[in-house]
């Protein structure tokens, strides 16, 4: 991918690769890239992104280093005003960043990312409802809780996997089966739900 500079990246996070007119990019690398805008006509360029705009984005990003991996070509910058931390989409999870897979496609570094507002703490020996491995003793970037029942605890990677398998019409809390509040919270916390 010319935007994230990765030949292999998690398709659940970066999306599929698009190749056209000498360009190769991941779908979500396009959507999250700074100052890259989709045209009304989705048939032009790559899903409505013009090749010359993609090229300009690549050139601008060449000047930016990823704060996670240290390599150049970071096309995503934290949306917090005044923050200049940039990163590649595949580096987001490793860097504790939140990328919101909703129109506007906002991204936040580890310092400015949204956090779950629900006040809850797991009981001793609480396990992830999906993988059954222990979770941390508090909410964190990698340990999340259902905002509806406040008793369903899971790892970020586990709930991301469930979201990809379930899709938006069937994604729900694995314990209380809440769809509405759970779905909104997971989207805000950077879970991609196809």
C-alpha atoms as a PDB file:
ATOM      1  CA  UNK A   1       0.000   0.000   0.000  1.00  0.00           C
ATOM      2  CA  UNK A   2       1.440   3.359  -1.018  1.00  0.00           C
ATOM      3  CA  UNK A   3      -0.207   5.085   1.964  1.00  0.00           C
ATOM      4  CA  UNK A   4       0.729   2.803   4.877  1.00  0.00           C
ATOM      5  CA  UNK A   5       3.778   1.267   3.181  1.00  0.00           C
ATOM      6  CA  UNK A   6       2.808  -2.255   4.192  1.00  0.00           C
ATOM      7  CA  UNK A   7       2.607  -5.164   1.772  1.00  0.00           C
ATOM      8  CA  UNK A   8       0.698  -7.198   4.345  1.00  0.00           C
ATOM      9  CA  UNK A   9      -1.679  -5.553   6.797  1.00  0.00           C
ATOM     10  CA  UNK A  10      -4.730  -6.745   8.707  1.00  0.00           C
ATOM     11  CA  UNK A  11      -7.607  -6.529   6.207  1.00  0.00           C
ATOM     12  CA  UNK A  12     -10.062  -6.264   9.125  1.00  0.00           C
ATOM     13  CA  UNK A  13      -8.480  -2.892   9.955  1.00  0.00           C
ATOM     14  CA  UNK A  14      -7.037  -1.619   6.656  1.00  0.00           C
ATOM     15  CA  UNK A  15      -9.603  -3.092   4.279  1.00  0.00           C
ATOM     16  CA  UNK A  16      -8.902  -4.688   0.937  1.00  0.00           C
ATOM     17  CA  UNK A  17      -6.217  -3.455  -1.455  1.00  0.00           C
ATOM     18  CA  UNK A  18      -7.251  -1.442  -4.497  1.00  0.00           C
ATOM     19  CA  UNK A  19      -5.005  -1.365  -7.562  1.00  0.00           C
ATOM     20  CA  UNK A  20      -5.590   1.014 -10.434  1.00  0.00           C
ATOM     21  CA  UNK A  21      -3.636   3.490 -12.555  1.00  0.00           C
ATOM     22  CA  UNK A  22      -0.310   2.443 -11.035  1.00  0.00           C
ATOM     23  CA  UNK A  23      -1.567   2.959  -7.469  1.00  0.00           C
ATOM     24  CA  UNK A  24      -2.013   0.323  -4.768  1.00  0.00           C
ATOM     25  CA  UNK A  25      -3.749   1.341  -1.535  1.00  0.00           C
ATOM     26  CA  UNK A  26      -5.905  -0.117   1.227  1.00  0.00           C
ATOM     27  CA  UNK A  27      -9.497   1.123   1.332  1.00  0.00           C
ATOM     28  CA  UNK A  28      -9.305   2.506   4.882  1.00  0.00           C
ATOM     29  CA  UNK A  29      -5.851   4.010   4.362  1.00  0.00           C
ATOM     30  CA  UNK A  30      -7.631   6.201   1.772  1.00  0.00           C
ATOM     31  CA  UNK A  31     -10.443   7.200   4.108  1.00  0.00           C
ATOM     32  CA  UNK A  32      -8.189   8.042   7.075  1.00  0.00           C
ATOM     33  CA  UNK A  33      -5.432   9.889   5.164  1.00  0.00           C
ATOM     34  CA  UNK A  34      -5.102  13.592   5.975  1.00  0.00           C
ATOM     35  CA  UNK A  35      -6.524  16.057   3.466  1.00  0.00           C
ATOM     36  CA  UNK A  36      -7.645  13.334   1.047  1.00  0.00           C
ATOM     37  CA  UNK A  37     -11.262  13.747   0.002  1.00  0.00           C
ATOM     38  CA  UNK A  38     -13.615  11.460  -1.873  1.00  0.00           C
ATOM     39  CA  UNK A  39     -15.395  12.864  -4.929  1.00  0.00           C
ATOM     40  CA  UNK A  40     -19.168  12.634  -5.316  1.00  0.00           C
ATOM     41  CA  UNK A  41     -18.747  10.266  -8.269  1.00  0.00           C
ATOM     42  CA  UNK A  42     -17.440   7.022  -6.755  1.00  0.00           C
ATOM     43  CA  UNK A  43     -16.621   5.711 -10.247  1.00  0.00           C
ATOM     44  CA  UNK A  44     -13.689   8.105 -10.802  1.00  0.00           C
ATOM     45  CA  UNK A  45     -10.184   7.168  -9.665  1.00  0.00           C
ATOM     46  CA  UNK A  46     -10.061   4.713  -6.768  1.00  0.00           C
ATOM     47  CA  UNK A  47     -13.512   4.658  -5.157  1.00  0.00           C
ATOM     48  CA  UNK A  48     -13.850   8.381  -5.900  1.00  0.00           C
ATOM     49  CA  UNK A  49     -10.346   9.347  -4.717  1.00  0.00           C
ATOM     50  CA  UNK A  50      -8.451  11.046  -7.524  1.00  0.00           C
ATOM     51  CA  UNK A  51      -4.993   9.619  -8.383  1.00  0.00           C
ATOM     52  CA  UNK A  52      -3.391  13.090  -8.337  1.00  0.00           C
ATOM     53  CA  UNK A  53      -4.826  13.736  -4.843  1.00  0.00           C
ATOM     54  CA  UNK A  54      -3.498  10.384  -3.618  1.00  0.00           C
ATOM     55  CA  UNK A  55      -0.065  11.237  -5.055  1.00  0.00           C
ATOM     56  CA  UNK A  56      -0.057  14.636  -3.264  1.00  0.00           C
ATOM     57  CA  UNK A  57      -0.995  12.919   0.002  1.00  0.00           C
ATOM     58  CA  UNK A  58       1.886  10.464  -0.413  1.00  0.00           C
ATOM     59  CA  UNK A  59       4.312  13.335  -1.063  1.00  0.00           C
ATOM     60  CA  UNK A  60       3.101  15.310   1.998  1.00  0.00           C
ATOM     61  CA  UNK A  61       3.283  12.214   4.192  1.00  0.00           C
ATOM     62  CA  UNK A  62       6.883  11.547   3.150  1.00  0.00           C
ATOM     63  CA  UNK A  63       7.815  14.425   5.480  1.00  0.00           C
ATOM     64  CA  UNK A  64       6.023  12.902   8.485  1.00  0.00           C
ATOM     65  CA  UNK A  65       7.364  10.157  10.748  1.00  0.00           C
ATOM     66  CA  UNK A  66       5.082   7.640  12.418  1.00  0.00           C
ATOM     67  CA  UNK A  67       5.314   8.114  16.198  1.00  0.00           C
ATOM     68  CA  UNK A  68       4.750   4.349  16.625  1.00  0.00           C
ATOM     69  CA  UNK A  69       7.202   2.679  14.201  1.00  0.00           C
ATOM     70  CA  UNK A  70       9.454   5.671  13.475  1.00  0.00           C
ATOM     71  CA  UNK A  71       9.253   5.235   9.690  1.00  0.00           C
ATOM     72  CA  UNK A  72       8.311   7.991   7.254  1.00  0.00           C
ATOM     73  CA  UNK A  73       5.131   8.249   5.214  1.00  0.00           C
ATOM     74  CA  UNK A  74       2.645   8.583   8.072  1.00  0.00           C
ATOM     75  CA  UNK A  75      -0.607   9.762   6.438  1.00  0.00           C
ATOM     76  CA  UNK A  76      -2.807  10.014   9.547  1.00  0.00           C
ATOM     77  CA  UNK A  77      -2.527  12.774  12.167  1.00  0.00           C
ATOM     78  CA  UNK A  78      -4.346  12.982  15.499  1.00  0.00           C
ATOM     79  CA  UNK A  79      -7.502  15.106  15.218  1.00  0.00           C
ATOM     80  CA  UNK A  80      -6.848  16.903  18.490  1.00  0.00           C
ATOM     81  CA  UNK A  81      -6.106  20.554  17.775  1.00  0.00           C
ATOM     82  CA  UNK A  82      -2.420  21.259  18.257  1.00  0.00           C
ATOM     83  CA  UNK A  83      -1.357  17.590  18.293  1.00  0.00           C
ATOM     84  CA  UNK A  84       1.018  16.667  15.488  1.00  0.00           C
ATOM     85  CA  UNK A  85       1.429  12.952  16.207  1.00  0.00           C
ATOM     86  CA  UNK A  86       1.176  11.076  12.911  1.00  0.00           C
ATOM     87  CA  UNK A  87       0.957   7.354  12.278  1.00  0.00           C
ATOM     88  CA  UNK A  88       0.243   4.640   9.720  1.00  0.00           C
ATOM     89  CA  UNK A  89      -3.135   2.888   9.950  1.00  0.00           C
ATOM     90  CA  UNK A  90      -1.566  -0.555  10.658  1.00  0.00           C
ATOM     91  CA  UNK A  91       0.427   1.042  13.526  1.00  0.00           C
ATOM     92  CA  UNK A  92      -2.682   2.472  15.232  1.00  0.00           C
ATOM     93  CA  UNK A  93      -3.429  -0.517  17.493  1.00  0.00           C
ATOM     94  CA  UNK A  94       0.207  -0.956  18.521  1.00  0.00           C
ATOM     95  CA  UNK A  95       0.365   2.764  19.382  1.00  0.00           C
ATOM     96  CA  UNK A  96      -2.874   2.745  21.376  1.00  0.00           C
ATOM     97  CA  UNK A  97      -4.598   4.988  18.819  1.00  0.00           C
ATOM     98  CA  UNK A  98      -8.324   5.116  18.090  1.00  0.00           C
ATOM     99  CA  UNK A  99      -9.530   5.209  14.487  1.00  0.00           C
ATOM    100  CA  UNK A 100     -13.283   5.717  14.185  1.00  0.00           C
ATOM    101  CA  UNK A 101     -14.686   3.840  11.196  1.00  0.00           C
ATOM    102  CA  UNK A 102     -17.566   6.256  10.582  1.00  0.00           C
ATOM    103  CA  UNK A 103     -17.956   9.004   7.994  1.00  0.00           C
ATOM    104  CA  UNK A 104     -15.514  11.735   9.018  1.00  0.00           C
ATOM    105  CA  UNK A 105     -13.041   8.883   9.744  1.00  0.00           C
ATOM    106  CA  UNK A 106     -11.467  10.563  12.757  1.00  0.00           C
ATOM    107  CA  UNK A 107      -8.240   9.372  14.373  1.00  0.00           C
ATOM    108  CA  UNK A 108      -6.714  10.062  17.758  1.00  0.00           C
ATOM    109  CA  UNK A 109      -3.306   9.340  19.286  1.00  0.00           C
ATOM    110  CA  UNK A 110      -2.944   7.487  22.595  1.00  0.00           C
ATOM    111  CA  UNK A 111      -3.024  10.743  24.577  1.00  0.00           C
ATOM    112  CA  UNK A 112      -6.160  12.240  22.999  1.00  0.00           C
ATOM    113  CA  UNK A 113      -8.203   9.132  22.239  1.00  0.00           C
ATOM    114  CA  UNK A 114     -11.741   8.860  23.602  1.00  0.00           C
ATOM    115  CA  UNK A 115     -12.201   6.541  26.565  1.00  0.00           C
ATOM    116  CA  UNK A 116     -15.195   4.605  27.754  1.00  0.00           C
ATOM    117  CA  UNK A 117     -17.260   6.784  30.088  1.00  0.00           C
ATOM    118  CA  UNK A 118     -18.956   3.897  31.882  1.00  0.00           C
ATOM    119  CA  UNK A 119     -17.812   3.520  35.495  1.00  0.00           C
ATOM    120  CA  UNK A 120     -17.151  -0.158  36.012  1.00  0.00           C
ATOM    121  CA  UNK A 121     -14.348  -2.427  37.128  1.00  0.00           C
ATOM    122  CA  UNK A 122     -14.102  -6.157  36.556  1.00  0.00           C
ATOM    123  CA  UNK A 123     -14.448  -8.477  39.494  1.00  0.00           C
ATOM    124  CA  UNK A 124     -11.439 -10.548  40.501  1.00  0.00           C
ATOM    125  CA  UNK A 125     -10.589 -13.314  37.985  1.00  0.00           C
ATOM    126  CA  UNK A 126     -12.862 -11.873  35.271  1.00  0.00           C
ATOM    127  CA  UNK A 127     -12.286 -13.382  31.853  1.00  0.00           C
ATOM    128  CA  UNK A 128     -12.951 -12.153  28.354  1.00  0.00           C
ATOM    129  CA  UNK A 129     -16.341 -13.472  27.244  1.00  0.00           C
ATOM    130  CA  UNK A 130     -14.946 -14.303  23.824  1.00  0.00           C
ATOM    131  CA  UNK A 131     -11.533 -15.942  24.365  1.00  0.00           C
ATOM    132  CA  UNK A 132     -11.994 -16.815  28.069  1.00  0.00           C
ATOM    133  CA  UNK A 133      -8.524 -15.482  28.963  1.00  0.00           C
ATOM    134  CA  UNK A 134      -8.229 -13.098  31.947  1.00  0.00           C
ATOM    135  CA  UNK A 135      -8.789  -9.377  31.358  1.00  0.00           C
ATOM    136  CA  UNK A 136      -6.979  -6.534  33.114  1.00  0.00           C
ATOM    137  CA  UNK A 137      -8.327  -5.379  36.470  1.00  0.00           C
ATOM    138  CA  UNK A 138      -9.628  -2.111  34.921  1.00  0.00           C
ATOM    139  CA  UNK A 139     -10.837  -0.531  31.693  1.00  0.00           C
ATOM    140  CA  UNK A 140      -7.969   0.239  29.361  1.00  0.00           C
ATOM    141  CA  UNK A 141      -7.200   0.490  25.677  1.00  0.00           C
ATOM    142  CA  UNK A 142      -7.062  -3.297  25.384  1.00  0.00           C
ATOM    143  CA  UNK A 143      -9.783  -4.167  27.939  1.00  0.00           C
ATOM    144  CA  UNK A 144     -13.324  -2.967  27.246  1.00  0.00           C
ATOM    145  CA  UNK A 145     -16.731  -3.308  28.876  1.00  0.00           C
ATOM    146  CA  UNK A 146     -20.309  -3.253  27.599  1.00  0.00           C
ATOM    147  CA  UNK A 147     -21.808   0.177  28.403  1.00  0.00           C
ATOM    148  CA  UNK A 148     -25.297  -1.314  28.778  1.00  0.00           C
ATOM    149  CA  UNK A 149     -24.876  -4.181  31.250  1.00  0.00           C
ATOM    150  CA  UNK A 150     -21.426  -3.190  32.621  1.00  0.00           C
ATOM    151  CA  UNK A 151     -20.678  -6.891  33.240  1.00  0.00           C
ATOM    152  CA  UNK A 152     -19.441  -8.048  29.836  1.00  0.00           C
ATOM    153  CA  UNK A 153     -15.658  -7.669  29.647  1.00  0.00           C
ATOM    154  CA  UNK A 154     -13.559  -8.440  26.594  1.00  0.00           C
ATOM    155  CA  UNK A 155     -10.281  -7.705  24.878  1.00  0.00           C
ATOM    156  CA  UNK A 156     -10.227  -5.113  22.088  1.00  0.00           C
ATOM    157  CA  UNK A 157      -8.867  -7.669  19.614  1.00  0.00           C
ATOM    158  CA  UNK A 158     -11.539 -10.214  20.552  1.00  0.00           C
ATOM    159  CA  UNK A 159     -14.470  -7.811  20.127  1.00  0.00           C
ATOM    160  CA  UNK A 160     -12.958  -6.565  16.843  1.00  0.00           C
ATOM    161  CA  UNK A 161     -12.950 -10.140  15.563  1.00  0.00           C
ATOM    162  CA  UNK A 162     -16.537 -10.642  16.653  1.00  0.00           C
ATOM    163  CA  UNK A 163     -17.583  -7.374  14.962  1.00  0.00           C
ATOM    164  CA  UNK A 164     -16.059  -8.443  11.646  1.00  0.00           C
ATOM    165  CA  UNK A 165     -17.810 -11.820  11.802  1.00  0.00           C
ATOM    166  CA  UNK A 166     -21.198 -10.475  12.940  1.00  0.00           C
ATOM    167  CA  UNK A 167     -21.484  -7.342  10.815  1.00  0.00           C
ATOM    168  CA  UNK A 168     -23.538  -4.290  11.709  1.00  0.00           C
ATOM    169  CA  UNK A 169     -26.924  -6.050  11.613  1.00  0.00           C
ATOM    170  CA  UNK A 170     -25.956  -8.817  14.089  1.00  0.00           C
ATOM    171  CA  UNK A 171     -23.295  -7.164  16.284  1.00  0.00           C
ATOM    172  CA  UNK A 172     -24.342  -7.049  19.948  1.00  0.00           C
ATOM    173  CA  UNK A 173     -23.051  -7.429  23.491  1.00  0.00           C
ATOM    174  CA  UNK A 174     -22.024 -11.057  23.974  1.00  0.00           C
ATOM    175  CA  UNK A 175     -23.713 -11.090  27.418  1.00  0.00           C
ATOM    176  CA  UNK A 176     -26.808  -8.858  27.561  1.00  0.00           C
ATOM    177  CA  UNK A 177     -27.425  -8.783  23.777  1.00  0.00           C
ATOM    178  CA  UNK A 178     -27.842  -4.977  23.768  1.00  0.00           C
ATOM    179  CA  UNK A 179     -27.410  -3.654  20.229  1.00  0.00           C
ATOM    180  CA  UNK A 180     -27.973   0.091  20.280  1.00  0.00           C
ATOM    181  CA  UNK A 181     -25.818   1.472  23.089  1.00  0.00           C
ATOM    182  CA  UNK A 182     -23.218  -1.259  22.576  1.00  0.00           C
ATOM    183  CA  UNK A 183     -22.869  -0.587  18.851  1.00  0.00           C
ATOM    184  CA  UNK A 184     -22.505   3.189  19.287  1.00  0.00           C
ATOM    185  CA  UNK A 185     -19.907   2.766  22.031  1.00  0.00           C
ATOM    186  CA  UNK A 186     -17.844   0.259  20.054  1.00  0.00           C
ATOM    187  CA  UNK A 187     -17.838   2.520  16.976  1.00  0.00           C
ATOM    188  CA  UNK A 188     -16.685   5.468  19.112  1.00  0.00           C
ATOM    189  CA  UNK A 189     -13.947   3.285  20.622  1.00  0.00           C
ATOM    190  CA  UNK A 190     -12.552   2.420  17.187  1.00  0.00           C
ATOM    191  CA  UNK A 191     -14.061  -0.990  16.513  1.00  0.00           C
ATOM    192  CA  UNK A 192     -14.664  -1.519  12.790  1.00  0.00           C
ATOM    193  CA  UNK A 193     -18.073  -3.053  12.178  1.00  0.00           C
ATOM    194  CA  UNK A 194     -18.724  -3.978   8.521  1.00  0.00           C
END
